[in-house]
């Protein structure tokens, strides 16, 4: 399994450029919600797919929703979003 740092480097290698403020916000949101790396990565992926860019407040909202609903994996996160028809994925 990748760490959050490895995942961000992977995304950057694919052309997703995150400024220092975005990276700081990613780690801030992770700490604020006490989310795991896996859930943080799922929230980043969903944010990019839904918003077509990184949106820090949207990312934190997803993290809060995932943590509140005891979602622990990317698969559970995607299922939760689709099952509740929250956003088109």
PDB file of N, CA and C in Angstrom:
ATOM      1  N   UNK A   1       0.830  -1.172   0.000  1.00  0.00           N
ATOM      2  CA  UNK A   1       0.000   0.000   0.000  1.00  0.00           C
ATOM      3  C   UNK A   1       0.885   1.250   0.000  1.00  0.00           C
ATOM      4  N   UNK A   2       0.481   2.260  -0.746  1.00  0.00           N
ATOM      5  CA  UNK A   2       1.227   3.512  -0.815  1.00  0.00           C
ATOM      6  C   UNK A   2       0.930   4.372   0.403  1.00  0.00           C
ATOM      7  N   UNK A   3       1.908   5.183   0.735  1.00  0.00           N
ATOM      8  CA  UNK A   3       1.667   6.208   1.743  1.00  0.00           C
ATOM      9  C   UNK A   3       1.049   7.416   1.044  1.00  0.00           C
ATOM     10  N   UNK A   4       0.530   8.332   1.816  1.00  0.00           N
ATOM     11  CA  UNK A   4      -0.040   9.545   1.251  1.00  0.00           C
ATOM     12  C   UNK A   4       1.018  10.321   0.463  1.00  0.00           C
ATOM     13  N   UNK A   5       2.219  10.391   1.000  1.00  0.00           N
ATOM     14  CA  UNK A   5       3.293  11.099   0.304  1.00  0.00           C
ATOM     15  C   UNK A   5       3.603  10.437  -1.045  1.00  0.00           C
ATOM     16  N   UNK A   6       3.684   9.108  -1.066  1.00  0.00           N
ATOM     17  CA  UNK A   6       3.944   8.391  -2.324  1.00  0.00           C
ATOM     18  C   UNK A   6       2.804   8.617  -3.319  1.00  0.00           C
ATOM     19  N   UNK A   7       1.582   8.652  -2.822  1.00  0.00           N
ATOM     20  CA  UNK A   7       0.418   8.870  -3.690  1.00  0.00           C
ATOM     21  C   UNK A   7       0.475  10.264  -4.321  1.00  0.00           C
ATOM     22  N   UNK A   8       0.818  11.275  -3.536  1.00  0.00           N
ATOM     23  CA  UNK A   8       0.930  12.632  -4.071  1.00  0.00           C
ATOM     24  C   UNK A   8       2.032  12.723  -5.121  1.00  0.00           C
ATOM     25  N   UNK A   9       3.157  12.055  -4.875  1.00  0.00           N
ATOM     26  CA  UNK A   9       4.228  12.021  -5.867  1.00  0.00           C
ATOM     27  C   UNK A   9       3.788  11.308  -7.138  1.00  0.00           C
ATOM     28  N   UNK A  10       3.032  10.228  -6.985  1.00  0.00           N
ATOM     29  CA  UNK A  10       2.487   9.513  -8.141  1.00  0.00           C
ATOM     30  C   UNK A  10       1.575  10.432  -8.954  1.00  0.00           C
ATOM     31  N   UNK A  11       0.661  11.131  -8.277  1.00  0.00           N
ATOM     32  CA  UNK A  11      -0.244  12.039  -8.985  1.00  0.00           C
ATOM     33  C   UNK A  11       0.528  13.144  -9.693  1.00  0.00           C
ATOM     34  N   UNK A  12       1.566  13.661  -9.044  1.00  0.00           N
ATOM     35  CA  UNK A  12       2.372  14.703  -9.667  1.00  0.00           C
ATOM     36  C   UNK A  12       3.078  14.172 -10.909  1.00  0.00           C
ATOM     37  N   UNK A  13       3.499  12.906 -10.875  1.00  0.00           N
ATOM     38  CA  UNK A  13       4.149  12.313 -12.052  1.00  0.00           C
ATOM     39  C   UNK A  13       3.163  12.141 -13.203  1.00  0.00           C
ATOM     40  N   UNK A  14       1.864  12.121 -12.881  1.00  0.00           N
ATOM     41  CA  UNK A  14       0.819  11.996 -13.899  1.00  0.00           C
ATOM     42  C   UNK A  14       0.288  13.349 -14.356  1.00  0.00           C
ATOM     43  N   UNK A  15       0.877  14.435 -13.823  1.00  0.00           N
ATOM     44  CA  UNK A  15       0.504  15.765 -14.284  1.00  0.00           C
ATOM     45  C   UNK A  15      -0.380  16.568 -13.346  1.00  0.00           C
ATOM     46  N   UNK A  16      -0.781  16.003 -12.216  1.00  0.00           N
ATOM     47  CA  UNK A  16      -1.559  16.758 -11.239  1.00  0.00           C
ATOM     48  C   UNK A  16      -0.585  17.515 -10.352  1.00  0.00           C
ATOM     49  N   UNK A  17      -0.540  18.817 -10.521  1.00  0.00           N
ATOM     50  CA  UNK A  17       0.404  19.616  -9.762  1.00  0.00           C
ATOM     51  C   UNK A  17      -0.299  20.243  -8.562  1.00  0.00           C
ATOM     52  N   UNK A  18       0.238  19.993  -7.399  1.00  0.00           N
ATOM     53  CA  UNK A  18      -0.301  20.537  -6.167  1.00  0.00           C
ATOM     54  C   UNK A  18       0.654  21.589  -5.645  1.00  0.00           C
ATOM     55  N   UNK A  19       0.136  22.762  -5.357  1.00  0.00           N
ATOM     56  CA  UNK A  19       0.955  23.795  -4.757  1.00  0.00           C
ATOM     57  C   UNK A  19       1.224  23.466  -3.299  1.00  0.00           C
ATOM     58  N   UNK A  20       2.151  24.210  -2.710  1.00  0.00           N
ATOM     59  CA  UNK A  20       2.469  23.980  -1.295  1.00  0.00           C
ATOM     60  C   UNK A  20       1.238  24.141  -0.424  1.00  0.00           C
ATOM     61  N   UNK A  21       0.384  25.116  -0.777  1.00  0.00           N
ATOM     62  CA  UNK A  21      -0.825  25.331   0.019  1.00  0.00           C
ATOM     63  C   UNK A  21      -1.752  24.127  -0.058  1.00  0.00           C
ATOM     64  N   UNK A  22      -1.886  23.514  -1.232  1.00  0.00           N
ATOM     65  CA  UNK A  22      -2.742  22.336  -1.375  1.00  0.00           C
ATOM     66  C   UNK A  22      -2.197  21.150  -0.594  1.00  0.00           C
ATOM     67  N   UNK A  23      -0.900  20.931  -0.685  1.00  0.00           N
ATOM     68  CA  UNK A  23      -0.279  19.821   0.046  1.00  0.00           C
ATOM     69  C   UNK A  23      -0.451  20.042   1.544  1.00  0.00           C
ATOM     70  N   UNK A  24      -0.250  21.269   1.991  1.00  0.00           N
ATOM     71  CA  UNK A  24      -0.451  21.588   3.398  1.00  0.00           C
ATOM     72  C   UNK A  24      -1.885  21.334   3.823  1.00  0.00           C
ATOM     73  N   UNK A  25      -2.821  21.704   2.953  1.00  0.00           N
ATOM     74  CA  UNK A  25      -4.237  21.498   3.255  1.00  0.00           C
ATOM     75  C   UNK A  25      -4.583  20.011   3.315  1.00  0.00           C
ATOM     76  N   UNK A  26      -3.966  19.223   2.450  1.00  0.00           N
ATOM     77  CA  UNK A  26      -4.196  17.774   2.456  1.00  0.00           C
ATOM     78  C   UNK A  26      -3.790  17.182   3.802  1.00  0.00           C
ATOM     79  N   UNK A  27      -2.619  17.547   4.271  1.00  0.00           N
ATOM     80  CA  UNK A  27      -2.150  17.021   5.557  1.00  0.00           C
ATOM     81  C   UNK A  27      -2.930  17.613   6.735  1.00  0.00           C
ATOM     82  N   UNK A  28      -3.340  18.877   6.618  1.00  0.00           N
ATOM     83  CA  UNK A  28      -4.166  19.496   7.646  1.00  0.00           C
ATOM     84  C   UNK A  28      -5.495  18.754   7.772  1.00  0.00           C
ATOM     85  N   UNK A  29      -6.149  18.485   6.632  1.00  0.00           N
ATOM     86  CA  UNK A  29      -7.428  17.766   6.642  1.00  0.00           C
ATOM     87  C   UNK A  29      -7.295  16.366   7.213  1.00  0.00           C
ATOM     88  N   UNK A  30      -6.211  15.707   6.864  1.00  0.00           N
ATOM     89  CA  UNK A  30      -5.954  14.355   7.377  1.00  0.00           C
ATOM     90  C   UNK A  30      -5.826  14.385   8.899  1.00  0.00           C
ATOM     91  N   UNK A  31      -5.073  15.353   9.412  1.00  0.00           N
ATOM     92  CA  UNK A  31      -4.881  15.471  10.861  1.00  0.00           C
ATOM     93  C   UNK A  31      -6.171  15.902  11.557  1.00  0.00           C
ATOM     94  N   UNK A  32      -6.879  16.851  10.959  1.00  0.00           N
ATOM     95  CA  UNK A  32      -8.123  17.363  11.537  1.00  0.00           C
ATOM     96  C   UNK A  32      -9.159  16.266  11.739  1.00  0.00           C
ATOM     97  N   UNK A  33      -9.251  15.376  10.757  1.00  0.00           N
ATOM     98  CA  UNK A  33     -10.273  14.325  10.805  1.00  0.00           C
ATOM     99  C   UNK A  33      -9.736  13.016  11.370  1.00  0.00           C
ATOM    100  N   UNK A  34      -8.427  12.973  11.629  1.00  0.00           N
ATOM    101  CA  UNK A  34      -7.776  11.742  12.097  1.00  0.00           C
ATOM    102  C   UNK A  34      -7.986  10.597  11.094  1.00  0.00           C
ATOM    103  N   UNK A  35      -7.922  10.941   9.812  1.00  0.00           N
ATOM    104  CA  UNK A  35      -8.129   9.969   8.736  1.00  0.00           C
ATOM    105  C   UNK A  35      -6.843   9.194   8.459  1.00  0.00           C
ATOM    106  N   UNK A  36      -7.004   8.004   7.944  1.00  0.00           N
ATOM    107  CA  UNK A  36      -5.860   7.196   7.532  1.00  0.00           C
ATOM    108  C   UNK A  36      -5.348   7.693   6.177  1.00  0.00           C
ATOM    109  N   UNK A  37      -4.148   7.241   5.816  1.00  0.00           N
ATOM    110  CA  UNK A  37      -3.628   7.556   4.485  1.00  0.00           C
ATOM    111  C   UNK A  37      -4.576   7.051   3.408  1.00  0.00           C
ATOM    112  N   UNK A  38      -5.094   5.840   3.586  1.00  0.00           N
ATOM    113  CA  UNK A  38      -5.963   5.248   2.555  1.00  0.00           C
ATOM    114  C   UNK A  38      -7.218   6.091   2.329  1.00  0.00           C
ATOM    115  N   UNK A  39      -7.846   6.547   3.395  1.00  0.00           N
ATOM    116  CA  UNK A  39      -9.050   7.366   3.249  1.00  0.00           C
ATOM    117  C   UNK A  39      -8.696   8.739   2.695  1.00  0.00           C
ATOM    118  N   UNK A  40      -7.562   9.269   3.083  1.00  0.00           N
ATOM    119  CA  UNK A  40      -7.116  10.551   2.539  1.00  0.00           C
ATOM    120  C   UNK A  40      -6.896  10.443   1.035  1.00  0.00           C
ATOM    121  N   UNK A  41      -6.292   9.353   0.598  1.00  0.00           N
ATOM    122  CA  UNK A  41      -6.061   9.138  -0.840  1.00  0.00           C
ATOM    123  C   UNK A  41      -7.390   8.981  -1.572  1.00  0.00           C
ATOM    124  N   UNK A  42      -8.342   8.278  -0.976  1.00  0.00           N
ATOM    125  CA  UNK A  42      -9.668   8.115  -1.592  1.00  0.00           C
ATOM    126  C   UNK A  42     -10.356   9.468  -1.721  1.00  0.00           C
ATOM    127  N   UNK A  43     -10.243  10.299  -0.696  1.00  0.00           N
ATOM    128  CA  UNK A  43     -10.862  11.623  -0.737  1.00  0.00           C
ATOM    129  C   UNK A  43     -10.208  12.512  -1.802  1.00  0.00           C
ATOM    130  N   UNK A  44      -8.901  12.402  -1.949  1.00  0.00           N
ATOM    131  CA  UNK A  44      -8.209  13.167  -2.995  1.00  0.00           C
ATOM    132  C   UNK A  44      -8.690  12.705  -4.366  1.00  0.00           C
ATOM    133  N   UNK A  45      -8.719  11.389  -4.580  1.00  0.00           N
ATOM    134  CA  UNK A  45      -9.150  10.857  -5.876  1.00  0.00           C
ATOM    135  C   UNK A  45     -10.581  11.280  -6.197  1.00  0.00           C
ATOM    136  N   UNK A  46     -11.471  11.158  -5.240  1.00  0.00           N
ATOM    137  CA  UNK A  46     -12.864  11.552  -5.459  1.00  0.00           C
ATOM    138  C   UNK A  46     -12.967  13.050  -5.727  1.00  0.00           C
ATOM    139  N   UNK A  47     -12.209  13.847  -4.998  1.00  0.00           N
ATOM    140  CA  UNK A  47     -12.213  15.297  -5.218  1.00  0.00           C
ATOM    141  C   UNK A  47     -11.794  15.621  -6.643  1.00  0.00           C
ATOM    142  N   UNK A  48     -10.716  14.999  -7.108  1.00  0.00           N
ATOM    143  CA  UNK A  48     -10.235  15.267  -8.465  1.00  0.00           C
ATOM    144  C   UNK A  48     -11.234  14.798  -9.517  1.00  0.00           C
ATOM    145  N   UNK A  49     -11.873  13.654  -9.290  1.00  0.00           N
ATOM    146  CA  UNK A  49     -12.845  13.142 -10.261  1.00  0.00           C
ATOM    147  C   UNK A  49     -14.111  13.988 -10.303  1.00  0.00           C
ATOM    148  N   UNK A  50     -14.559  14.432  -9.150  1.00  0.00           N
ATOM    149  CA  UNK A  50     -15.818  15.170  -9.074  1.00  0.00           C
ATOM    150  C   UNK A  50     -15.625  16.645  -9.424  1.00  0.00           C
ATOM    151  N   UNK A  51     -14.601  17.267  -8.879  1.00  0.00           N
ATOM    152  CA  UNK A  51     -14.376  18.704  -9.055  1.00  0.00           C
ATOM    153  C   UNK A  51     -13.496  19.032 -10.269  1.00  0.00           C
ATOM    154  N   UNK A  52     -12.805  18.035 -10.796  1.00  0.00           N
ATOM    155  CA  UNK A  52     -11.877  18.209 -11.935  1.00  0.00           C
ATOM    156  C   UNK A  52     -10.645  19.029 -11.575  1.00  0.00           C
ATOM    157  N   UNK A  53     -10.466  19.270 -10.284  1.00  0.00           N
ATOM    158  CA  UNK A  53      -9.291  19.978  -9.763  1.00  0.00           C
ATOM    159  C   UNK A  53      -9.276  19.716  -8.264  1.00  0.00           C
ATOM    160  N   UNK A  54      -8.186  20.108  -7.601  1.00  0.00           N
ATOM    161  CA  UNK A  54      -8.163  19.935  -6.157  1.00  0.00           C
ATOM    162  C   UNK A  54      -8.861  21.109  -5.495  1.00  0.00           C
ATOM    163  N   UNK A  55      -9.855  20.809  -4.680  1.00  0.00           N
ATOM    164  CA  UNK A  55     -10.611  21.807  -3.926  1.00  0.00           C
ATOM    165  C   UNK A  55     -10.501  21.408  -2.459  1.00  0.00           C
ATOM    166  N   UNK A  56      -9.739  22.181  -1.701  1.00  0.00           N
ATOM    167  CA  UNK A  56      -9.442  21.828  -0.316  1.00  0.00           C
ATOM    168  C   UNK A  56     -10.663  21.661   0.570  1.00  0.00           C
ATOM    169  N   UNK A  57     -11.631  22.565   0.472  1.00  0.00           N
ATOM    170  CA  UNK A  57     -12.804  22.453   1.338  1.00  0.00           C
ATOM    171  C   UNK A  57     -13.650  21.245   0.963  1.00  0.00           C
ATOM    172  N   UNK A  58     -13.724  20.929  -0.320  1.00  0.00           N
ATOM    173  CA  UNK A  58     -14.464  19.743  -0.761  1.00  0.00           C
ATOM    174  C   UNK A  58     -13.777  18.483  -0.239  1.00  0.00           C
ATOM    175  N   UNK A  59     -12.462  18.453  -0.335  1.00  0.00           N
ATOM    176  CA  UNK A  59     -11.660  17.330   0.159  1.00  0.00           C
ATOM    177  C   UNK A  59     -11.913  17.093   1.649  1.00  0.00           C
ATOM    178  N   UNK A  60     -11.870  18.159   2.446  1.00  0.00           N
ATOM    179  CA  UNK A  60     -12.085  18.016   3.889  1.00  0.00           C
ATOM    180  C   UNK A  60     -13.513  17.546   4.164  1.00  0.00           C
ATOM    181  N   UNK A  61     -14.475  18.047   3.412  1.00  0.00           N
ATOM    182  CA  UNK A  61     -15.864  17.594   3.588  1.00  0.00           C
ATOM    183  C   UNK A  61     -15.987  16.098   3.318  1.00  0.00           C
ATOM    184  N   UNK A  62     -15.331  15.637   2.266  1.00  0.00           N
ATOM    185  CA  UNK A  62     -15.344  14.194   1.981  1.00  0.00           C
ATOM    186  C   UNK A  62     -14.683  13.413   3.109  1.00  0.00           C
ATOM    187  N   UNK A  63     -13.543  13.894   3.573  1.00  0.00           N
ATOM    188  CA  UNK A  63     -12.848  13.215   4.679  1.00  0.00           C
ATOM    189  C   UNK A  63     -13.751  13.117   5.903  1.00  0.00           C
ATOM    190  N   UNK A  64     -14.398  14.218   6.247  1.00  0.00           N
ATOM    191  CA  UNK A  64     -15.295  14.223   7.411  1.00  0.00           C
ATOM    192  C   UNK A  64     -16.427  13.222   7.223  1.00  0.00           C
ATOM    193  N   UNK A  65     -16.993  13.180   6.020  1.00  0.00           N
ATOM    194  CA  UNK A  65     -18.083  12.251   5.730  1.00  0.00           C
ATOM    195  C   UNK A  65     -17.596  10.806   5.821  1.00  0.00           C
ATOM    196  N   UNK A  66     -16.430  10.522   5.266  1.00  0.00           N
ATOM    197  CA  UNK A  66     -15.896   9.161   5.299  1.00  0.00           C
ATOM    198  C   UNK A  66     -15.608   8.725   6.734  1.00  0.00           C
ATOM    199  N   UNK A  67     -14.961   9.582   7.506  1.00  0.00           N
ATOM    200  CA  UNK A  67     -14.619   9.234   8.890  1.00  0.00           C
ATOM    201  C   UNK A  67     -15.889   9.066   9.720  1.00  0.00           C
ATOM    202  N   UNK A  68     -16.839   9.979   9.556  1.00  0.00           N
ATOM    203  CA  UNK A  68     -18.094   9.911  10.310  1.00  0.00           C
ATOM    204  C   UNK A  68     -18.849   8.609  10.038  1.00  0.00           C
ATOM    205  N   UNK A  69     -18.783   8.134   8.805  1.00  0.00           N
ATOM    206  CA  UNK A  69     -19.493   6.920   8.412  1.00  0.00           C
ATOM    207  C   UNK A  69     -18.631   5.669   8.511  1.00  0.00           C
ATOM    208  N   UNK A  70     -17.488   5.795   9.181  1.00  0.00           N
ATOM    209  CA  UNK A  70     -16.586   4.668   9.453  1.00  0.00           C
ATOM    210  C   UNK A  70     -16.134   3.936   8.188  1.00  0.00           C
ATOM    211  N   UNK A  71     -15.892   4.718   7.150  1.00  0.00           N
ATOM    212  CA  UNK A  71     -15.394   4.170   5.891  1.00  0.00           C
ATOM    213  C   UNK A  71     -13.890   4.008   6.024  1.00  0.00           C
ATOM    214  N   UNK A  72     -13.393   2.831   5.667  1.00  0.00           N
ATOM    215  CA  UNK A  72     -11.980   2.539   5.893  1.00  0.00           C
ATOM    216  C   UNK A  72     -11.178   2.253   4.618  1.00  0.00           C
ATOM    217  N   UNK A  73     -11.854   2.022   3.500  1.00  0.00           N
ATOM    218  CA  UNK A  73     -11.141   1.702   2.263  1.00  0.00           C
ATOM    219  C   UNK A  73     -11.663   2.561   1.108  1.00  0.00           C
ATOM    220  N   UNK A  74     -10.858   2.616   0.061  1.00  0.00           N
ATOM    221  CA  UNK A  74     -11.262   3.340  -1.145  1.00  0.00           C
ATOM    222  C   UNK A  74     -12.524   2.714  -1.730  1.00  0.00           C
ATOM    223  N   UNK A  75     -12.581   1.400  -1.741  1.00  0.00           N
ATOM    224  CA  UNK A  75     -13.744   0.707  -2.293  1.00  0.00           C
ATOM    225  C   UNK A  75     -15.013   1.085  -1.525  1.00  0.00           C
ATOM    226  N   UNK A  76     -14.919   1.137  -0.210  1.00  0.00           N
ATOM    227  CA  UNK A  76     -16.073   1.541   0.600  1.00  0.00           C
ATOM    228  C   UNK A  76     -16.457   2.993   0.321  1.00  0.00           C
ATOM    229  N   UNK A  77     -15.458   3.852   0.132  1.00  0.00           N
ATOM    230  CA  UNK A  77     -15.724   5.264  -0.131  1.00  0.00           C
ATOM    231  C   UNK A  77     -16.476   5.436  -1.452  1.00  0.00           C
ATOM    232  N   UNK A  78     -16.017   4.775  -2.491  1.00  0.00           N
ATOM    233  CA  UNK A  78     -16.673   4.854  -3.801  1.00  0.00           C
ATOM    234  C   UNK A  78     -18.091   4.295  -3.698  1.00  0.00           C
ATOM    235  N   UNK A  79     -18.233   3.167  -3.038  1.00  0.00           N
ATOM    236  CA  UNK A  79     -19.553   2.550  -2.870  1.00  0.00           C
ATOM    237  C   UNK A  79     -20.496   3.495  -2.125  1.00  0.00           C
ATOM    238  N   UNK A  80     -20.013   4.117  -1.066  1.00  0.00           N
ATOM    239  CA  UNK A  80     -20.837   5.026  -0.269  1.00  0.00           C
ATOM    240  C   UNK A  80     -21.339   6.189  -1.133  1.00  0.00           C
ATOM    241  N   UNK A  81     -20.440   6.778  -1.912  1.00  0.00           N
ATOM    242  CA  UNK A  81     -20.820   7.903  -2.771  1.00  0.00           C
ATOM    243  C   UNK A  81     -21.842   7.467  -3.816  1.00  0.00           C
ATOM    244  N   UNK A  82     -21.592   6.332  -4.461  1.00  0.00           N
ATOM    245  CA  UNK A  82     -22.514   5.857  -5.498  1.00  0.00           C
ATOM    246  C   UNK A  82     -23.847   5.425  -4.898  1.00  0.00           C
ATOM    247  N   UNK A  83     -23.803   4.668  -3.806  1.00  0.00           N
ATOM    248  CA  UNK A  83     -25.022   4.148  -3.171  1.00  0.00           C
ATOM    249  C   UNK A  83     -25.947   5.279  -2.705  1.00  0.00           C
ATOM    250  N   UNK A  84     -25.346   6.341  -2.198  1.00  0.00           N
ATOM    251  CA  UNK A  84     -26.140   7.474  -1.703  1.00  0.00           C
ATOM    252  C   UNK A  84     -26.368   8.556  -2.765  1.00  0.00           C
ATOM    253  N   UNK A  85     -25.899   8.266  -3.989  1.00  0.00           N
ATOM    254  CA  UNK A  85     -26.081   9.168  -5.128  1.00  0.00           C
ATOM    255  C   UNK A  85     -25.658  10.601  -4.788  1.00  0.00           C
ATOM    256  N   UNK A  86     -24.511  10.700  -4.142  1.00  0.00           N
ATOM    257  CA  UNK A  86     -24.024  12.008  -3.708  1.00  0.00           C
ATOM    258  C   UNK A  86     -23.428  12.823  -4.860  1.00  0.00           C
ATOM    259  N   UNK A  87     -22.637  12.129  -5.675  1.00  0.00           N
ATOM    260  CA  UNK A  87     -21.970  12.794  -6.786  1.00  0.00           C
ATOM    261  C   UNK A  87     -21.819  11.782  -7.909  1.00  0.00           C
ATOM    262  N   UNK A  88     -21.782  12.266  -9.152  1.00  0.00           N
ATOM    263  CA  UNK A  88     -21.512  11.333 -10.253  1.00  0.00           C
ATOM    264  C   UNK A  88     -20.036  10.935 -10.272  1.00  0.00           C
ATOM    265  N   UNK A  89     -19.771   9.649 -10.266  1.00  0.00           N
ATOM    266  CA  UNK A  89     -18.383   9.169 -10.352  1.00  0.00           C
ATOM    267  C   UNK A  89     -18.227   8.315 -11.582  1.00  0.00           C
TER     268      UNK A  89
END
